[in-house]
Structures are given as C-alpha cells and as structure tokens.
Amino acid sequence: MPKKNSKGVESNEKALKFQEFLIENNIDVFSTESVEDDYSTVIFRSRIEAKGQILPMAILIDTSIFTVIRTQIITGITEDKRSELKSYLNELNTQYKIFKYYLREDGTVYLDICLPFVDETFDSKMIQLMLSVLVQHLEAVYEDIMAHIWHK
C-alpha cells in the first residue's frame, strides 16, 4: 500500500486522487515523497521493466497544470558518447510526440511524458494507460538506445 505522506498529498488534490486510485485498485508498487516547494509536489516512485532491465520511474504530481512521468534510462554516459547520443535522442523526440528524451550534464538520460491536468480533469486511468504506453515504447526502442551508447 502506498505510504500516506502528510502535508504534500493532502494539499495537492490531484495527488490525493491518484493515491486514492492506487488504494482502490490495490496497486502497491509506489512509495510517495512530498517535496516542500511552491507547487506541493508529490513524487510517486516505482520501477518499470524494459528488455529485462529495471528502470527507476517517478510520477511527479503538483498543483501546476502538468503531471510528469519520468523514467531514468541510464546513468554515467561518458563525455565522448554524449554528442552522438544527443543526436539520436533528438531523432526520437521528433519521431514520438508524447515522449521527451534528454541527456543531463551528469551523463544521465531521462525520458519524460508530460500530461496536462487541472484538478477537475485529473485522470488516474490516463496515467495508468500512459505507463503501459511507456513500457511498450521502451520495449521497442531500449535496445537501440543502448546500441548507440555502447557503440564503439
């Protein structure tokens, strides 16, 4: 069962709805963390599996209009591989509308899905659907991403 995390969930209507959805559907793969920021951000952390790899994933729900599903694809990309990898990730970004890949300065590759929801339109089932779409997408492209990373 998800941890009930004090003030953050209670002061964030969308996070409360998502937490209730998880409880109602006996989904117990998330831990929660409330961030003390101006947006009452609540992070629902879990993992997904793609091509046998377990990848950290988090759903960031705050009081802004945006909900983000963020997956960490890989860490530790060396400087010499970053330029070519950035080009490939940009190709993926233009090919897939809902996904945004980015490579941080520390060599970590993330994949984001950004969903707009106001409190009244927040839809936990859409998040669940997008998690399925995310897994299908990574099953299709993960090996290609890794081939670009490990390319000599």
Protein backbone atom coordinates (compact mmCIF):
# COMPACT_ATOMS: atom_id res chain seq x y z
CA MET A 1 0.00 0.00 0.00
CA PRO A 2 1.35 3.48 -0.80
CA LYS A 3 2.69 5.40 2.13
CA LYS A 4 0.46 8.24 3.16
CA ASN A 5 2.79 11.17 3.24
CA SER A 6 1.49 14.01 5.34
CA LYS A 7 1.01 17.52 4.09
CA GLY A 8 2.00 17.17 0.41
CA VAL A 9 -0.71 14.71 -0.60
CA GLU A 10 -3.37 16.46 1.45
CA SER A 11 -2.60 19.86 -0.06
CA ASN A 12 -2.50 18.52 -3.62
CA GLU A 13 -5.91 17.45 -4.90
CA LYS A 14 -4.50 15.59 -7.92
CA ALA A 15 -2.01 13.64 -5.79
CA LEU A 16 -4.80 12.74 -3.39
CA LYS A 17 -6.93 11.47 -6.29
CA PHE A 18 -4.03 9.40 -7.60
CA GLN A 19 -3.30 7.95 -4.17
CA GLU A 20 -6.98 7.02 -3.75
CA PHE A 21 -6.89 5.37 -7.21
CA LEU A 22 -3.87 3.31 -6.17
CA ILE A 23 -5.57 2.18 -2.97
CA GLU A 24 -8.90 1.38 -4.68
CA ASN A 25 -7.12 -0.71 -7.31
CA ASN A 26 -4.74 -2.46 -4.89
CA ILE A 27 -1.72 -1.01 -6.66
CA ASP A 28 1.08 -1.12 -4.12
CA VAL A 29 4.21 -0.55 -6.21
CA PHE A 30 4.66 3.14 -5.36
CA SER A 31 6.30 4.96 -2.50
CA THR A 32 5.50 8.63 -2.01
CA GLU A 33 7.59 11.63 -1.18
CA SER A 34 6.28 15.13 -0.59
CA VAL A 35 8.51 17.98 -1.68
CA GLU A 36 8.31 21.21 0.25
CA ASP A 37 8.02 23.56 -2.70
CA ASP A 38 5.61 26.18 -4.03
CA TYR A 39 3.68 23.54 -6.01
CA SER A 40 3.05 20.97 -3.23
CA THR A 41 4.81 18.38 -5.38
CA VAL A 42 4.26 14.74 -4.55
CA ILE A 43 6.55 12.16 -6.12
CA PHE A 44 5.21 8.65 -6.60
CA ARG A 45 8.29 6.45 -7.08
CA SER A 46 8.39 2.99 -8.63
CA ARG A 47 10.21 1.00 -11.31
CA ILE A 48 9.36 -0.33 -14.74
CA GLU A 49 10.89 -3.18 -16.68
CA ALA A 50 12.03 -2.93 -20.30
CA LYS A 51 14.01 -5.63 -22.08
CA GLY A 52 14.83 -7.26 -18.76
CA GLN A 53 16.18 -4.03 -17.24
CA ILE A 54 14.61 -2.47 -14.17
CA LEU A 55 14.41 1.30 -14.63
CA PRO A 56 13.60 3.85 -11.91
CA MET A 57 10.39 5.75 -12.67
CA ALA A 58 8.55 8.51 -10.88
CA ILE A 59 5.27 10.33 -11.35
CA LEU A 60 5.55 13.97 -10.30
CA ILE A 61 2.17 15.42 -9.44
CA ASP A 62 1.98 19.03 -8.37
CA THR A 63 -0.52 21.88 -8.28
CA SER A 64 0.58 23.22 -11.66
CA ILE A 65 -1.24 22.11 -14.80
CA PHE A 66 1.45 19.50 -15.57
CA THR A 67 1.93 15.94 -14.35
CA VAL A 68 5.21 14.32 -15.39
CA ILE A 69 6.06 10.65 -15.69
CA ARG A 70 9.88 10.49 -15.58
CA THR A 71 11.97 7.39 -16.26
CA GLN A 72 15.70 7.17 -15.75
CA ILE A 73 17.05 5.27 -18.75
CA ILE A 74 20.77 5.14 -17.89
CA THR A 75 23.42 7.00 -15.91
CA GLY A 76 27.12 7.60 -16.42
CA ILE A 77 27.25 8.40 -20.13
CA THR A 78 30.81 9.45 -20.80
CA GLU A 79 31.65 12.75 -22.44
CA ASP A 80 32.87 11.11 -25.66
CA LYS A 81 29.49 9.43 -26.28
CA ARG A 82 27.22 12.37 -25.47
CA SER A 83 27.24 14.23 -28.78
CA GLU A 84 26.18 11.25 -30.90
CA LEU A 85 23.67 10.15 -28.25
CA LYS A 86 22.10 13.63 -28.12
CA SER A 87 21.55 13.48 -31.86
CA TYR A 88 19.86 10.09 -31.60
CA LEU A 89 17.70 11.20 -28.66
CA ASN A 90 16.63 14.26 -30.67
CA GLU A 91 15.58 11.94 -33.50
CA LEU A 92 13.44 10.01 -31.03
CA ASN A 93 11.97 13.28 -29.74
CA THR A 94 10.84 14.24 -33.24
CA GLN A 95 9.53 10.77 -34.00
CA TYR A 96 7.40 10.27 -30.86
CA LYS A 97 5.01 13.03 -29.86
CA ILE A 98 4.35 12.16 -26.23
CA PHE A 99 7.93 11.29 -25.22
CA LYS A 100 10.80 13.66 -24.49
CA TYR A 101 14.29 12.29 -24.01
CA TYR A 102 17.05 14.38 -22.56
CA LEU A 103 20.65 13.94 -21.53
CA ARG A 104 21.74 15.82 -18.44
CA GLU A 105 25.20 17.24 -17.90
CA ASP A 106 25.95 14.45 -15.39
CA GLY A 107 25.50 11.83 -18.14
CA THR A 108 22.03 10.65 -17.12
CA VAL A 109 19.37 10.01 -19.76
CA TYR A 110 15.74 10.62 -18.79
CA LEU A 111 12.50 10.06 -20.63
CA ASP A 112 9.55 12.28 -19.73
CA ILE A 113 5.87 12.13 -20.52
CA CYS A 114 4.11 15.38 -19.69
CA LEU A 115 0.33 15.32 -19.21
CA PRO A 116 -1.77 18.45 -18.67
CA PHE A 117 -4.44 18.16 -15.97
CA VAL A 118 -6.25 20.75 -13.91
CA ASP A 119 -7.76 19.43 -10.68
CA GLU A 120 -11.16 18.87 -12.30
CA THR A 121 -9.83 16.91 -15.27
CA PHE A 122 -7.17 14.85 -13.49
CA ASP A 123 -7.45 11.24 -14.67
CA SER A 124 -5.57 8.48 -12.84
CA LYS A 125 -6.62 5.97 -15.51
CA MET A 126 -4.85 8.09 -18.13
CA ILE A 127 -1.67 7.93 -16.07
CA GLN A 128 -2.06 4.16 -15.83
CA LEU A 129 -2.61 3.97 -19.60
CA MET A 130 0.47 6.12 -20.27
CA LEU A 131 2.56 3.81 -18.07
CA SER A 132 1.52 0.96 -20.37
CA VAL A 133 2.38 3.04 -23.45
CA LEU A 134 5.73 3.90 -21.84
CA VAL A 135 6.61 0.24 -21.29
CA GLN A 136 5.58 -0.66 -24.86
CA HIS A 137 7.70 2.19 -26.21
CA LEU A 138 10.76 1.20 -24.20
CA GLU A 139 10.37 -2.43 -25.22
CA ALA A 140 10.55 -1.20 -28.82
CA VAL A 141 13.47 1.26 -28.55
CA TYR A 142 15.55 0.35 -25.47
CA GLU A 143 17.96 -1.93 -27.33
CA ASP A 144 18.54 0.73 -30.00
CA ILE A 145 19.26 3.35 -27.33
CA MET A 146 21.74 1.05 -25.66
CA ALA A 147 23.34 0.19 -29.03
CA HIS A 148 24.02 3.92 -29.54
CA ILE A 149 25.51 4.15 -26.07
CA TRP A 150 27.74 1.09 -26.35
CA HIS A 151 28.69 1.77 -29.97
CA LYS A 152 32.48 1.80 -30.28
